[in-house]
Structures are given as C-alpha cells and as structure tokens.
C-alpha cells in the first residue's frame, strides 16, 4: 500500500510550469501594450491642451488689443509691435488683397495662425471684424490635428454711417 500512495504523490512535471509561464507571458504582453496605448493617449491629450491654450492666449490678446491695432501681428508686454499682419496671398492668405490679414507663429511644434477679416476694405471703416485663431500640429504617427477658435469684434468708434 505504501508503494501505491507513493505513485499518487509524484507532483508536477516540467510541462505544467512551462504552460503557466507562457500563459502569464501572453497576459503581461497584453497589459504592456495597454500601457503604451494609455501613454499615447495621455501625450495626445497634453498636446491638445497645449494647442488650445496657445490658441486661447492668442485670441485673448486680440480681444484685449485696441481695435485700431488688430492688424499688428503681436504686441509684447511693453506694447511694442513685432510686425504687421499680411494680406499677401502667401501661406495662410488664400488670396492677396482679399481683406483677410494673417499672422503665424510656431511654438513647441504647434503652428498658431490667426486671421483678422474686417467687414469693409479698411479696419477703420469696418463695423465688425471676424478673428479666427487656428492651432495645428502632427502627432507621433504623422496624423494632423487642429483646433480652431473664433470671435467677432465690433468697432467701438464706428458711427453707423456709410463710408
């Protein structure tokens, strides 16, 4: 009887631990790929948040600027104008002389473009101006993303007459 009980208590062979290790390896590979996917999502979300913040900042600068200075590309904190917006038909401008003035700036790989389009030929004679700010970037996979914000701004000195 002791010989029979000894045969029943032999234990595991080497196959069972190997099968368990293979099963564990496949489950770990699946979870590692989920971590990579989660990291990609977090990076994309952070990039989108940065692009929205840059677009909102540019739009807020244009909202706070005096109406007659809207065609200045950018104002430093000390009030110095960096340049003037272009109506040249190049880059952001589709058609030269169309009355749509645009500027562009690249920050941290995000291209921020803004356009100012008065409803009349000159800014001084316009009743309102449409302002659009676009932030565009490419992710690690080369896919293009874009955020666009806009507003209309009234000319505070428009008298209402025809010019």
N, C-alpha and C. Protein backbone atom coordinates (compact mmCIF):
# COMPACT_ATOMS: atom_id res chain seq x y z
N UNK A 1 0.82 -1.18 0.00
CA UNK A 1 0.00 0.00 0.00
C UNK A 1 0.87 1.26 0.00
N UNK A 2 1.97 1.21 0.60
CA UNK A 2 2.85 2.36 0.60
C UNK A 2 3.39 2.63 -0.79
N UNK A 3 3.59 1.63 -1.59
CA UNK A 3 4.06 1.81 -2.96
C UNK A 3 3.01 2.50 -3.83
N UNK A 4 1.72 2.22 -3.62
CA UNK A 4 0.63 2.84 -4.38
C UNK A 4 0.46 4.31 -4.00
N UNK A 5 0.56 4.64 -2.72
CA UNK A 5 0.41 6.04 -2.32
C UNK A 5 1.59 6.89 -2.79
N UNK A 6 2.75 6.29 -2.90
CA UNK A 6 3.92 7.00 -3.41
C UNK A 6 3.73 7.36 -4.88
N UNK A 7 3.12 6.52 -5.68
CA UNK A 7 2.86 6.80 -7.08
C UNK A 7 1.84 7.92 -7.26
N UNK A 8 0.89 8.05 -6.34
CA UNK A 8 -0.13 9.10 -6.44
C UNK A 8 0.42 10.48 -6.05
N UNK A 9 1.52 10.58 -5.32
CA UNK A 9 2.06 11.84 -4.85
C UNK A 9 3.33 12.23 -5.61
N UNK A 10 3.38 11.99 -6.89
CA UNK A 10 4.59 12.28 -7.65
C UNK A 10 4.82 13.77 -7.84
N UNK A 11 3.80 14.62 -7.89
CA UNK A 11 3.97 16.05 -8.12
C UNK A 11 3.77 16.42 -9.59
N UNK A 12 4.25 17.61 -9.96
CA UNK A 12 4.05 18.10 -11.32
C UNK A 12 5.25 17.74 -12.17
N UNK A 13 4.98 17.68 -13.47
CA UNK A 13 6.08 17.54 -14.42
C UNK A 13 6.53 18.94 -14.84
N UNK A 14 7.53 19.04 -15.67
CA UNK A 14 8.04 20.34 -16.12
C UNK A 14 7.10 21.02 -17.11
N UNK A 15 6.15 20.30 -17.67
CA UNK A 15 5.26 20.86 -18.69
C UNK A 15 4.29 21.87 -18.07
N UNK A 16 3.76 21.56 -16.90
CA UNK A 16 2.78 22.45 -16.28
C UNK A 16 3.37 23.84 -15.98
N UNK A 17 4.55 23.94 -15.37
CA UNK A 17 5.11 25.29 -15.14
C UNK A 17 5.42 26.03 -16.44
N UNK A 18 5.86 25.31 -17.47
CA UNK A 18 6.13 25.96 -18.75
C UNK A 18 4.85 26.52 -19.37
N UNK A 19 3.78 25.76 -19.32
CA UNK A 19 2.49 26.23 -19.85
C UNK A 19 2.01 27.44 -19.05
N UNK A 20 2.18 27.40 -17.75
CA UNK A 20 1.78 28.53 -16.90
C UNK A 20 2.60 29.77 -17.23
N UNK A 21 3.91 29.61 -17.47
CA UNK A 21 4.76 30.75 -17.81
C UNK A 21 4.39 31.34 -19.16
N UNK A 22 4.04 30.52 -20.14
CA UNK A 22 3.62 31.02 -21.45
C UNK A 22 2.31 31.80 -21.32
N UNK A 23 1.37 31.26 -20.57
CA UNK A 23 0.09 31.96 -20.37
C UNK A 23 0.31 33.30 -19.67
N UNK A 24 1.17 33.30 -18.66
CA UNK A 24 1.48 34.54 -17.95
C UNK A 24 2.17 35.55 -18.86
N UNK A 25 3.06 35.09 -19.72
CA UNK A 25 3.77 35.97 -20.65
C UNK A 25 2.80 36.65 -21.61
N UNK A 26 1.83 35.89 -22.13
CA UNK A 26 0.87 36.50 -23.05
C UNK A 26 0.00 37.53 -22.34
N UNK A 27 -0.39 37.26 -21.12
CA UNK A 27 -1.21 38.24 -20.40
C UNK A 27 -0.40 39.49 -20.08
N UNK A 28 0.88 39.35 -19.75
CA UNK A 28 1.73 40.52 -19.49
C UNK A 28 1.98 41.33 -20.76
N UNK A 29 2.16 40.66 -21.89
CA UNK A 29 2.33 41.38 -23.15
C UNK A 29 1.11 42.23 -23.48
N UNK A 30 -0.07 41.69 -23.22
CA UNK A 30 -1.30 42.45 -23.45
C UNK A 30 -1.39 43.67 -22.55
N UNK A 31 -1.00 43.52 -21.30
CA UNK A 31 -1.07 44.68 -20.39
C UNK A 31 0.01 45.72 -20.71
N UNK A 32 1.17 45.27 -21.19
CA UNK A 32 2.21 46.23 -21.58
C UNK A 32 1.76 47.05 -22.78
N UNK A 33 1.11 46.42 -23.73
CA UNK A 33 0.61 47.19 -24.88
C UNK A 33 -0.48 48.17 -24.45
N UNK A 34 -1.25 47.83 -23.45
CA UNK A 34 -2.26 48.77 -22.92
C UNK A 34 -1.58 49.98 -22.28
N UNK A 35 -0.45 49.76 -21.59
CA UNK A 35 0.30 50.89 -21.03
C UNK A 35 0.81 51.82 -22.12
N UNK A 36 1.30 51.25 -23.21
CA UNK A 36 1.78 52.06 -24.33
C UNK A 36 0.64 52.85 -24.95
N UNK A 37 -0.51 52.22 -25.08
CA UNK A 37 -1.68 52.91 -25.64
C UNK A 37 -2.15 54.03 -24.70
N UNK A 38 -2.12 53.76 -23.41
CA UNK A 38 -2.51 54.79 -22.44
C UNK A 38 -1.54 55.97 -22.48
N UNK A 39 -0.24 55.68 -22.60
CA UNK A 39 0.76 56.74 -22.68
C UNK A 39 0.55 57.60 -23.92
N UNK A 40 0.23 56.96 -25.04
CA UNK A 40 -0.04 57.70 -26.28
C UNK A 40 -1.26 58.61 -26.12
N UNK A 41 -2.28 58.11 -25.44
CA UNK A 41 -3.47 58.92 -25.18
C UNK A 41 -3.19 60.10 -24.29
N UNK A 42 -2.37 59.88 -23.26
CA UNK A 42 -2.01 60.98 -22.36
C UNK A 42 -1.18 62.04 -23.08
N UNK A 43 -0.24 61.59 -23.91
CA UNK A 43 0.59 62.53 -24.67
C UNK A 43 -0.27 63.33 -25.64
N UNK A 44 -1.19 62.67 -26.33
CA UNK A 44 -2.08 63.37 -27.26
C UNK A 44 -2.98 64.37 -26.56
N UNK A 45 -3.48 64.00 -25.39
CA UNK A 45 -4.32 64.92 -24.62
C UNK A 45 -3.55 66.14 -24.15
N UNK A 46 -2.31 65.91 -23.72
CA UNK A 46 -1.48 67.04 -23.27
C UNK A 46 -1.17 67.97 -24.43
N UNK A 47 -0.92 67.41 -25.61
CA UNK A 47 -0.62 68.22 -26.80
C UNK A 47 -1.84 69.03 -27.21
N UNK A 48 -3.02 68.41 -27.16
CA UNK A 48 -4.25 69.13 -27.48
C UNK A 48 -4.50 70.25 -26.48
N UNK A 49 -4.27 69.98 -25.21
CA UNK A 49 -4.44 71.01 -24.18
C UNK A 49 -3.49 72.18 -24.41
N UNK A 50 -2.25 71.89 -24.79
CA UNK A 50 -1.27 72.95 -25.08
C UNK A 50 -1.70 73.77 -26.29
N UNK A 51 -2.21 73.10 -27.34
CA UNK A 51 -2.65 73.81 -28.54
C UNK A 51 -3.85 74.70 -28.24
N UNK A 52 -4.80 74.20 -27.46
CA UNK A 52 -5.96 75.01 -27.09
C UNK A 52 -5.52 76.21 -26.26
N UNK A 53 -4.59 76.01 -25.35
CA UNK A 53 -4.10 77.12 -24.52
C UNK A 53 -3.41 78.19 -25.37
N UNK A 54 -2.60 77.76 -26.35
CA UNK A 54 -1.94 78.73 -27.24
C UNK A 54 -2.96 79.50 -28.07
N UNK A 55 -3.97 78.79 -28.60
CA UNK A 55 -5.00 79.46 -29.41
C UNK A 55 -5.81 80.42 -28.55
N UNK A 56 -6.18 80.01 -27.35
CA UNK A 56 -6.94 80.89 -26.46
C UNK A 56 -6.13 82.12 -26.07
N UNK A 57 -4.84 81.93 -25.83
CA UNK A 57 -3.99 83.06 -25.47
C UNK A 57 -3.92 84.08 -26.61
N UNK A 58 -3.73 83.59 -27.84
CA UNK A 58 -3.67 84.50 -28.99
C UNK A 58 -5.02 85.20 -29.17
N UNK A 59 -6.13 84.47 -29.04
CA UNK A 59 -7.45 85.07 -29.20
C UNK A 59 -7.69 86.11 -28.11
N UNK A 60 -7.26 85.82 -26.91
CA UNK A 60 -7.45 86.77 -25.80
C UNK A 60 -6.59 88.02 -26.01
N UNK A 61 -5.39 87.86 -26.56
CA UNK A 61 -4.57 89.03 -26.87
C UNK A 61 -5.26 89.91 -27.91
N UNK A 62 -5.85 89.29 -28.92
CA UNK A 62 -6.56 90.05 -29.95
C UNK A 62 -7.83 90.68 -29.40
N UNK A 63 -8.46 90.03 -28.44
CA UNK A 63 -9.66 90.59 -27.82
C UNK A 63 -9.30 91.80 -26.96
N UNK A 64 -8.15 91.74 -26.28
CA UNK A 64 -7.76 92.81 -25.36
C UNK A 64 -7.08 93.98 -26.07
N UNK A 65 -6.56 93.77 -27.28
CA UNK A 65 -5.86 94.84 -28.00
C UNK A 65 -6.84 95.93 -28.42
N UNK A 66 -6.34 97.13 -28.52
CA UNK A 66 -7.17 98.23 -29.04
C UNK A 66 -7.58 97.90 -30.48
N UNK A 67 -8.80 98.27 -30.85
CA UNK A 67 -9.34 97.88 -32.16
C UNK A 67 -8.44 98.33 -33.31
N UNK A 68 -7.92 99.52 -33.24
CA UNK A 68 -7.10 100.05 -34.34
C UNK A 68 -5.74 99.34 -34.46
N UNK A 69 -5.35 98.52 -33.44
CA UNK A 69 -4.08 97.79 -33.50
C UNK A 69 -4.27 96.31 -33.87
N UNK A 70 -5.45 95.92 -34.29
CA UNK A 70 -5.70 94.50 -34.60
C UNK A 70 -4.81 93.95 -35.71
N UNK A 71 -4.36 94.80 -36.61
CA UNK A 71 -3.53 94.31 -37.71
C UNK A 71 -2.06 94.21 -37.33
N UNK A 72 -1.73 94.54 -36.07
CA UNK A 72 -0.38 94.31 -35.58
C UNK A 72 -0.27 92.82 -35.27
N UNK A 73 0.80 92.20 -35.73
CA UNK A 73 0.95 90.75 -35.58
C UNK A 73 0.97 90.34 -34.11
N UNK A 74 1.69 91.07 -33.30
CA UNK A 74 1.80 90.70 -31.90
C UNK A 74 2.31 91.89 -31.11
N UNK A 75 1.77 92.05 -29.94
CA UNK A 75 2.23 93.11 -29.06
C UNK A 75 2.97 92.45 -27.89
N UNK A 76 4.17 92.95 -27.60
CA UNK A 76 4.88 92.48 -26.41
C UNK A 76 4.18 93.05 -25.19
N UNK A 77 4.60 92.62 -24.04
CA UNK A 77 4.02 93.15 -22.80
C UNK A 77 4.26 94.64 -22.64
N UNK A 78 5.36 95.13 -23.23
CA UNK A 78 5.64 96.55 -23.10
C UNK A 78 4.97 97.37 -24.21
N UNK A 79 4.13 96.75 -25.04
CA UNK A 79 3.37 97.47 -26.05
C UNK A 79 4.07 97.64 -27.38
N UNK A 80 5.25 97.05 -27.56
CA UNK A 80 5.99 97.17 -28.82
C UNK A 80 5.41 96.18 -29.83
N UNK A 81 5.15 96.66 -31.05
CA UNK A 81 4.60 95.81 -32.10
C UNK A 81 5.72 95.03 -32.76
N UNK A 82 5.57 93.68 -32.87
CA UNK A 82 6.58 92.83 -33.50
C UNK A 82 6.54 92.94 -35.02
N UNK A 83 5.41 93.10 -35.59
CA UNK A 83 5.28 93.14 -37.04
C UNK A 83 3.83 93.41 -37.41
N UNK A 84 3.54 93.34 -38.71
CA UNK A 84 2.18 93.59 -39.17
C UNK A 84 1.63 92.34 -39.83
N UNK A 85 0.34 92.14 -39.74
CA UNK A 85 -0.29 91.02 -40.43
C UNK A 85 -0.23 91.26 -41.93
N UNK A 86 -0.21 90.19 -42.69
CA UNK A 86 -0.05 90.27 -44.14
C UNK A 86 -1.36 89.95 -44.87
N UNK A 87 -1.59 90.65 -45.98
CA UNK A 87 -2.69 90.36 -46.91
C UNK A 87 -2.04 90.13 -48.27
N UNK A 88 -1.12 89.15 -48.29
CA UNK A 88 -0.23 88.99 -49.43
C UNK A 88 -0.57 87.83 -50.34
N UNK A 89 -1.46 86.94 -49.95
CA UNK A 89 -1.74 85.76 -50.75
C UNK A 89 -0.73 84.65 -50.51
N UNK A 90 0.16 84.83 -49.56
CA UNK A 90 1.16 83.81 -49.24
C UNK A 90 0.74 83.04 -47.99
N UNK A 91 1.19 81.81 -47.89
CA UNK A 91 0.98 80.94 -46.74
C UNK A 91 -0.47 80.89 -46.29
N UNK A 92 -0.83 81.58 -45.20
CA UNK A 92 -2.18 81.49 -44.66
C UNK A 92 -3.21 82.24 -45.49
N UNK A 93 -2.76 83.30 -46.18
CA UNK A 93 -3.66 84.09 -47.00
C UNK A 93 -3.96 83.36 -48.31
N UNK A 94 -5.21 83.08 -48.57
CA UNK A 94 -5.55 82.38 -49.81
C UNK A 94 -5.44 83.31 -51.01
N UNK A 95 -5.88 84.55 -50.86
CA UNK A 95 -5.90 85.50 -51.98
C UNK A 95 -5.32 86.83 -51.52
N UNK A 96 -4.37 87.37 -52.29
CA UNK A 96 -3.80 88.67 -51.96
C UNK A 96 -4.83 89.77 -52.16
N UNK A 97 -4.86 90.71 -51.25
CA UNK A 97 -5.76 91.84 -51.37
C UNK A 97 -7.21 91.52 -51.06
N UNK A 98 -7.49 90.36 -50.46
CA UNK A 98 -8.87 89.95 -50.17
C UNK A 98 -9.41 90.59 -48.90
N UNK A 99 -8.57 91.31 -48.19
CA UNK A 99 -9.03 91.94 -46.95
C UNK A 99 -8.92 91.02 -45.75
N UNK A 100 -8.27 89.87 -45.92
CA UNK A 100 -8.05 88.96 -44.80
C UNK A 100 -6.57 89.01 -44.45
N UNK A 101 -6.28 89.47 -43.27
CA UNK A 101 -4.90 89.65 -42.82
C UNK A 101 -4.53 88.49 -41.90
N UNK A 102 -3.34 87.95 -42.07
CA UNK A 102 -2.99 86.79 -41.27
C UNK A 102 -1.57 86.88 -40.73
N UNK A 103 -1.36 86.18 -39.62
CA UNK A 103 -0.05 86.07 -39.00
C UNK A 103 0.17 84.63 -38.57
N UNK A 104 1.40 84.29 -38.29
CA UNK A 104 1.73 82.91 -37.98
C UNK A 104 2.89 82.87 -36.99
N UNK A 105 2.83 81.90 -36.10
CA UNK A 105 3.88 81.71 -35.10
C UNK A 105 3.95 80.21 -34.78
N UNK A 106 5.16 79.68 -34.63
CA UNK A 106 5.34 78.28 -34.26
C UNK A 106 5.92 78.21 -32.86
N UNK A 107 5.23 77.50 -31.99
CA UNK A 107 5.66 77.34 -30.60
C UNK A 107 5.60 75.86 -30.23
N UNK A 108 6.72 75.28 -29.83
CA UNK A 108 6.78 73.88 -29.42
C UNK A 108 6.21 72.93 -30.46
N UNK A 109 6.43 73.21 -31.72
CA UNK A 109 5.94 72.35 -32.78
C UNK A 109 4.48 72.56 -33.14
N UNK A 110 3.82 73.51 -32.51
CA UNK A 110 2.42 73.83 -32.79
C UNK A 110 2.40 75.11 -33.60
N UNK A 111 1.77 75.07 -34.77
CA UNK A 111 1.68 76.24 -35.65
C UNK A 111 0.40 76.99 -35.32
N UNK A 112 0.56 78.20 -34.81
CA UNK A 112 -0.59 79.04 -34.46
C UNK A 112 -0.75 80.08 -35.56
N UNK A 113 -1.91 80.08 -36.19
CA UNK A 113 -2.22 81.02 -37.27
C UNK A 113 -3.44 81.83 -36.86
N UNK A 114 -3.40 83.14 -37.08
CA UNK A 114 -4.57 83.96 -36.78
C UNK A 114 -4.87 84.85 -37.97
N UNK A 115 -6.16 85.06 -38.19
CA UNK A 115 -6.60 85.93 -39.28
C UNK A 115 -7.55 86.98 -38.73
N UNK A 116 -7.45 88.16 -39.32
CA UNK A 116 -8.33 89.27 -38.98
C UNK A 116 -8.98 89.70 -40.28
N UNK A 117 -10.31 89.64 -40.33
CA UNK A 117 -11.04 89.96 -41.56
C UNK A 117 -12.10 91.02 -41.26
N UNK A 118 -11.79 92.30 -41.56
CA UNK A 118 -12.79 93.37 -41.38
C UNK A 118 -13.92 93.19 -42.39
N UNK A 119 -15.11 93.66 -42.04
CA UNK A 119 -16.24 93.54 -42.98
C UNK A 119 -16.24 94.62 -44.05
N UNK A 120 -15.32 95.55 -43.98
CA UNK A 120 -15.15 96.59 -45.00
C UNK A 120 -13.67 96.62 -45.41
N UNK A 121 -13.35 97.32 -46.49
CA UNK A 121 -11.96 97.29 -47.00
C UNK A 121 -10.89 97.72 -46.01
N UNK A 122 -11.19 98.65 -45.14
CA UNK A 122 -10.19 99.08 -44.17
C UNK A 122 -10.70 98.81 -42.76
N UNK A 123 -9.78 98.62 -41.86
CA UNK A 123 -10.15 98.34 -40.47
C UNK A 123 -10.87 99.53 -39.85
N UNK A 124 -10.42 100.74 -40.16
CA UNK A 124 -11.02 101.94 -39.57
C UNK A 124 -12.48 102.14 -39.99
N UNK A 125 -12.85 101.70 -41.20
CA UNK A 125 -14.22 101.90 -41.67
C UNK A 125 -15.11 100.69 -41.42
N UNK A 126 -14.58 99.64 -40.84
CA UNK A 126 -15.38 98.43 -40.64
C UNK A 126 -16.27 98.55 -39.41
N UNK A 127 -17.42 97.88 -39.49
CA UNK A 127 -18.32 97.81 -38.34
C UNK A 127 -17.88 96.71 -37.38
N UNK A 128 -17.54 95.55 -37.98
CA UNK A 128 -17.09 94.41 -37.19
C UNK A 128 -15.91 93.75 -37.88
N UNK A 129 -15.23 92.94 -37.12
CA UNK A 129 -14.10 92.19 -37.64
C UNK A 129 -14.24 90.75 -37.15
N UNK A 130 -14.01 89.80 -38.05
CA UNK A 130 -14.01 88.39 -37.67
C UNK A 130 -12.56 87.96 -37.42
N UNK A 131 -12.33 87.38 -36.26
CA UNK A 131 -10.99 86.93 -35.88
C UNK A 131 -11.03 85.42 -35.71
N UNK A 132 -10.10 84.74 -36.36
CA UNK A 132 -10.01 83.28 -36.27
C UNK A 132 -8.58 82.91 -35.87
N UNK A 133 -8.46 82.00 -34.92
CA UNK A 133 -7.15 81.50 -34.49
C UNK A 133 -7.17 79.99 -34.65
N UNK A 134 -6.14 79.46 -35.33
CA UNK A 134 -6.01 78.03 -35.56
C UNK A 134 -4.69 77.55 -35.00
N UNK A 135 -4.72 76.44 -34.28
CA UNK A 135 -3.50 75.79 -33.79
C UNK A 135 -3.46 74.40 -34.42
N UNK A 136 -2.37 74.09 -35.13
CA UNK A 136 -2.24 72.81 -35.84
C UNK A 136 -0.93 72.13 -35.45
N UNK A 137 -0.97 70.81 -35.38
CA UNK A 137 0.22 70.03 -35.04
C UNK A 137 0.06 68.62 -35.58
N UNK A 138 1.17 67.90 -35.61
CA UNK A 138 1.18 66.49 -36.03
C UNK A 138 1.56 65.63 -34.84
N UNK A 139 0.90 64.48 -34.70
CA UNK A 139 1.25 63.58 -33.61
C UNK A 139 2.42 62.69 -34.02
N UNK A 140 2.80 61.76 -33.16
CA UNK A 140 3.95 60.89 -33.43
C UNK A 140 3.71 60.00 -34.63
N UNK A 141 2.46 59.70 -34.94
CA UNK A 141 2.13 58.87 -36.09
C UNK A 141 2.03 59.66 -37.38
N UNK A 142 2.25 60.98 -37.32
CA UNK A 142 2.19 61.82 -38.51
C UNK A 142 0.79 62.31 -38.84
N UNK A 143 -0.20 62.02 -38.00
CA UNK A 143 -1.57 62.49 -38.23
C UNK A 143 -1.67 63.95 -37.83
N UNK A 144 -2.37 64.73 -38.67
CA UNK A 144 -2.55 66.17 -38.41
C UNK A 144 -3.76 66.39 -37.51
N UNK A 145 -3.60 67.33 -36.58
CA UNK A 145 -4.68 67.72 -35.68
C UNK A 145 -4.80 69.24 -35.72
N UNK A 146 -6.00 69.73 -35.43
CA UNK A 146 -6.20 71.17 -35.50
C UNK A 146 -7.29 71.58 -34.51
N UNK A 147 -7.08 72.75 -33.91
CA UNK A 147 -8.06 73.40 -33.04
C UNK A 147 -8.30 74.77 -33.63
N UNK A 148 -9.58 75.16 -33.80
CA UNK A 148 -9.90 76.48 -34.36
C UNK A 148 -10.87 77.20 -33.43
N UNK A 149 -10.53 78.44 -33.11
CA UNK A 149 -11.37 79.29 -32.28
C UNK A 149 -11.65 80.58 -33.06
N UNK A 150 -12.75 81.21 -32.77
CA UNK A 150 -13.06 82.45 -33.47
C UNK A 150 -13.98 83.35 -32.67
N UNK A 151 -14.03 84.60 -33.12
CA UNK A 151 -14.94 85.58 -32.49
C UNK A 151 -15.17 86.73 -33.47
N UNK A 152 -16.21 87.48 -33.21
CA UNK A 152 -16.47 88.71 -33.95
C UNK A 152 -16.28 89.85 -32.97
N UNK A 153 -15.68 90.90 -33.48
CA UNK A 153 -15.40 92.05 -32.62
C UNK A 153 -15.94 93.31 -33.27
N UNK A 154 -16.66 94.12 -32.51
CA UNK A 154 -17.25 95.35 -33.02
C UNK A 154 -16.25 96.49 -32.94
N UNK A 155 -16.34 97.39 -33.92
CA UNK A 155 -15.52 98.60 -33.92
C UNK A 155 -16.16 99.59 -32.97
N UNK A 156 -15.47 99.97 -31.89
CA UNK A 156 -16.08 100.85 -30.89
C UNK A 156 -16.29 102.28 -31.37
N UNK A 157 -15.63 102.70 -32.45
CA UNK A 157 -15.78 104.07 -32.91
C UNK A 157 -16.59 104.15 -34.21
N UNK A 158 -17.20 103.05 -34.64
CA UNK A 158 -18.00 103.08 -35.87
C UNK A 158 -19.23 103.94 -35.63
N UNK A 159 -19.45 104.89 -36.54
CA UNK A 159 -20.54 105.84 -36.34
C UNK A 159 -21.85 105.37 -36.93
N UNK A 160 -21.85 104.32 -37.73
CA UNK A 160 -23.09 103.83 -38.31
C UNK A 160 -23.40 104.38 -39.68
N UNK A 161 -22.66 105.36 -40.13
CA UNK A 161 -22.90 105.92 -41.45
C UNK A 161 -22.26 105.08 -42.55
N UNK A 162 -22.57 105.40 -43.78
CA UNK A 162 -21.96 104.68 -44.89
C UNK A 162 -20.67 105.39 -45.27
N UNK A 163 -19.64 104.61 -45.50
CA UNK A 163 -18.35 105.19 -45.85
C UNK A 163 -17.96 104.82 -47.25
